[in-house]
N, C-alpha and C. Protein backbone atom coordinates (compact mmCIF):
# COMPACT_ATOMS: atom_id res chain seq x y z
N UNK A 1 107.25 128.02 100.65
CA UNK A 1 106.20 128.45 100.44
C UNK A 1 105.72 129.47 101.62
N UNK A 2 104.86 130.75 101.15
CA UNK A 2 104.51 131.67 102.23
C UNK A 2 103.32 131.33 102.97
N UNK A 3 102.71 132.12 103.85
CA UNK A 3 101.72 131.93 104.64
C UNK A 3 100.21 132.06 103.68
N UNK A 4 100.52 132.13 102.32
CA UNK A 4 99.27 132.48 101.93
C UNK A 4 99.01 131.41 100.87
N UNK A 5 100.04 130.20 101.28
CA UNK A 5 99.83 128.84 100.47
C UNK A 5 98.75 128.17 100.66
N UNK A 6 98.05 127.43 100.01
CA UNK A 6 96.73 126.71 100.36
C UNK A 6 97.03 124.95 100.25
N UNK A 7 96.55 124.36 101.13
CA UNK A 7 96.77 122.79 101.07
C UNK A 7 96.03 122.25 99.95
N UNK A 8 96.68 121.37 99.42
CA UNK A 8 95.56 120.80 97.94
C UNK A 8 95.31 119.20 98.94
N UNK A 9 94.20 118.89 99.36
CA UNK A 9 93.90 117.96 99.95
C UNK A 9 92.94 117.17 98.71
N UNK A 10 93.66 115.90 98.97
CA UNK A 10 93.41 114.49 98.31
C UNK A 10 94.13 114.57 96.66
N UNK A 11 94.85 115.22 96.84
CA UNK A 11 96.08 114.99 95.42
C UNK A 11 97.41 114.51 95.66
N UNK A 12 97.87 113.41 94.69
CA UNK A 12 99.19 113.00 94.93
C UNK A 12 100.09 113.48 94.10
N UNK A 13 101.37 113.73 94.51
CA UNK A 13 102.77 114.23 94.01
C UNK A 13 102.65 113.09 92.75
N UNK A 14 103.04 113.56 91.41
CA UNK A 14 103.36 112.83 90.60
C UNK A 14 104.55 112.29 90.41
N UNK A 15 105.42 113.26 91.15
CA UNK A 15 107.22 112.59 91.12
C UNK A 15 107.26 111.25 92.46
N UNK A 16 106.91 111.87 93.37
CA UNK A 16 107.23 110.78 94.66
C UNK A 16 106.02 109.97 94.91
N UNK A 17 104.90 110.42 94.24
CA UNK A 17 103.99 109.23 94.74
C UNK A 17 102.76 109.71 95.98
N UNK A 18 103.56 110.71 96.95
CA UNK A 18 103.03 111.22 98.32
C UNK A 18 101.83 111.46 98.00
N UNK A 19 100.89 111.20 98.96
CA UNK A 19 99.40 111.89 98.94
C UNK A 19 99.00 113.24 100.20
N UNK A 20 98.42 113.91 99.87
CA UNK A 20 97.85 115.10 100.51
C UNK A 20 99.72 115.64 101.00
N UNK A 21 100.40 115.86 100.28
CA UNK A 21 101.20 116.95 100.55
C UNK A 21 102.11 118.06 99.43
N UNK A 22 100.76 118.28 98.75
CA UNK A 22 100.92 119.34 97.73
C UNK A 22 100.24 120.83 98.41
N UNK A 23 101.05 121.86 98.02
CA UNK A 23 100.78 123.13 98.42
C UNK A 23 100.26 124.22 97.03
N UNK A 24 99.65 124.53 97.07
CA UNK A 24 99.69 125.84 96.15
C UNK A 24 99.82 127.17 96.67
N UNK A 25 100.53 128.28 95.75
CA UNK A 25 100.93 129.41 96.01
C UNK A 25 100.32 130.01 95.04
N UNK A 26 98.89 130.71 95.20
CA UNK A 26 98.60 131.35 94.06
C UNK A 26 99.00 132.62 93.52
N UNK A 27 99.76 133.30 94.26
CA UNK A 27 100.37 134.65 94.09
C UNK A 27 101.78 134.34 92.71
N UNK A 28 102.33 133.31 93.52
CA UNK A 28 103.57 132.80 92.45
C UNK A 28 103.14 131.93 91.51
N UNK A 29 101.81 131.34 91.11
CA UNK A 29 101.49 130.35 90.40
C UNK A 29 102.34 128.93 90.27
N UNK A 30 102.47 128.44 91.97
CA UNK A 30 103.34 127.30 92.13
C UNK A 30 102.75 126.53 93.08
N UNK A 31 102.97 125.07 92.56
CA UNK A 31 102.43 123.91 93.22
C UNK A 31 103.69 123.23 93.86
N UNK A 32 103.78 122.98 95.28
CA UNK A 32 104.99 122.56 95.96
C UNK A 32 104.91 121.25 96.68
N UNK A 33 105.52 120.19 96.28
CA UNK A 33 105.58 118.98 97.13
C UNK A 33 106.31 119.00 98.32
N UNK A 34 105.62 119.11 99.45
CA UNK A 34 106.49 119.07 100.77
C UNK A 34 107.29 117.74 101.34
N UNK A 35 107.05 116.79 100.39
CA UNK A 35 107.95 115.47 100.69
C UNK A 35 109.13 115.52 99.92
N UNK A 36 108.92 115.81 98.79
CA UNK A 36 110.24 115.64 97.94
C UNK A 36 111.07 117.27 97.41
N UNK A 37 109.96 118.09 97.71
CA UNK A 37 110.41 119.47 96.96
C UNK A 37 110.37 119.56 95.76
N UNK A 38 109.31 118.80 94.78
CA UNK A 38 109.36 119.06 93.33
C UNK A 38 108.39 120.22 93.37
N UNK A 39 108.61 121.10 92.57
CA UNK A 39 107.63 122.41 91.97
C UNK A 39 107.07 122.32 90.54
N UNK A 40 105.91 122.73 90.72
CA UNK A 40 105.46 122.57 89.07
C UNK A 40 104.76 124.72 88.90
N UNK A 41 105.03 125.13 87.73
CA UNK A 41 104.42 126.07 87.67
C UNK A 41 103.00 126.03 86.95
N UNK A 42 102.05 126.70 87.38
CA UNK A 42 100.88 126.70 86.86
C UNK A 42 100.44 127.99 86.20
N UNK A 43 99.98 127.60 84.77
CA UNK A 43 99.58 128.51 84.17
C UNK A 43 98.25 128.44 83.48
N UNK A 44 97.49 129.46 83.91
CA UNK A 44 96.32 129.75 83.81
C UNK A 44 95.79 129.79 82.19
N UNK A 45 94.50 129.46 81.96
CA UNK A 45 94.33 129.06 80.38
C UNK A 45 93.48 130.66 80.14
N UNK A 46 94.33 131.42 79.43
CA UNK A 46 93.49 133.02 79.11
C UNK A 46 93.30 133.15 77.90
N UNK A 47 93.32 132.16 76.97
CA UNK A 47 92.97 132.15 75.82
C UNK A 47 91.63 132.09 75.28
N UNK A 48 90.98 133.00 74.86
CA UNK A 48 89.53 133.37 74.41
C UNK A 48 88.92 132.27 73.43
N UNK A 49 88.09 131.66 73.78
CA UNK A 49 87.39 130.64 72.56
C UNK A 49 86.61 131.33 71.86
N UNK A 50 86.73 130.87 70.56
CA UNK A 50 85.64 131.21 69.19
C UNK A 50 84.37 130.87 69.28
N UNK A 51 83.69 131.49 69.40
CA UNK A 51 82.23 131.32 69.67
C UNK A 51 81.15 131.17 68.49
């Protein structure tokens, strides 16, 4: 991850179960676990709801 990554406090990795090891890179849309190296792609919900 680059210097723009943000630490995600209080969250647990769903793969290894480690607490407070997740980092979000908003530019690439990735969350990475620093313990096991697992990454997840985040996709924002851009669909508009009908009112």
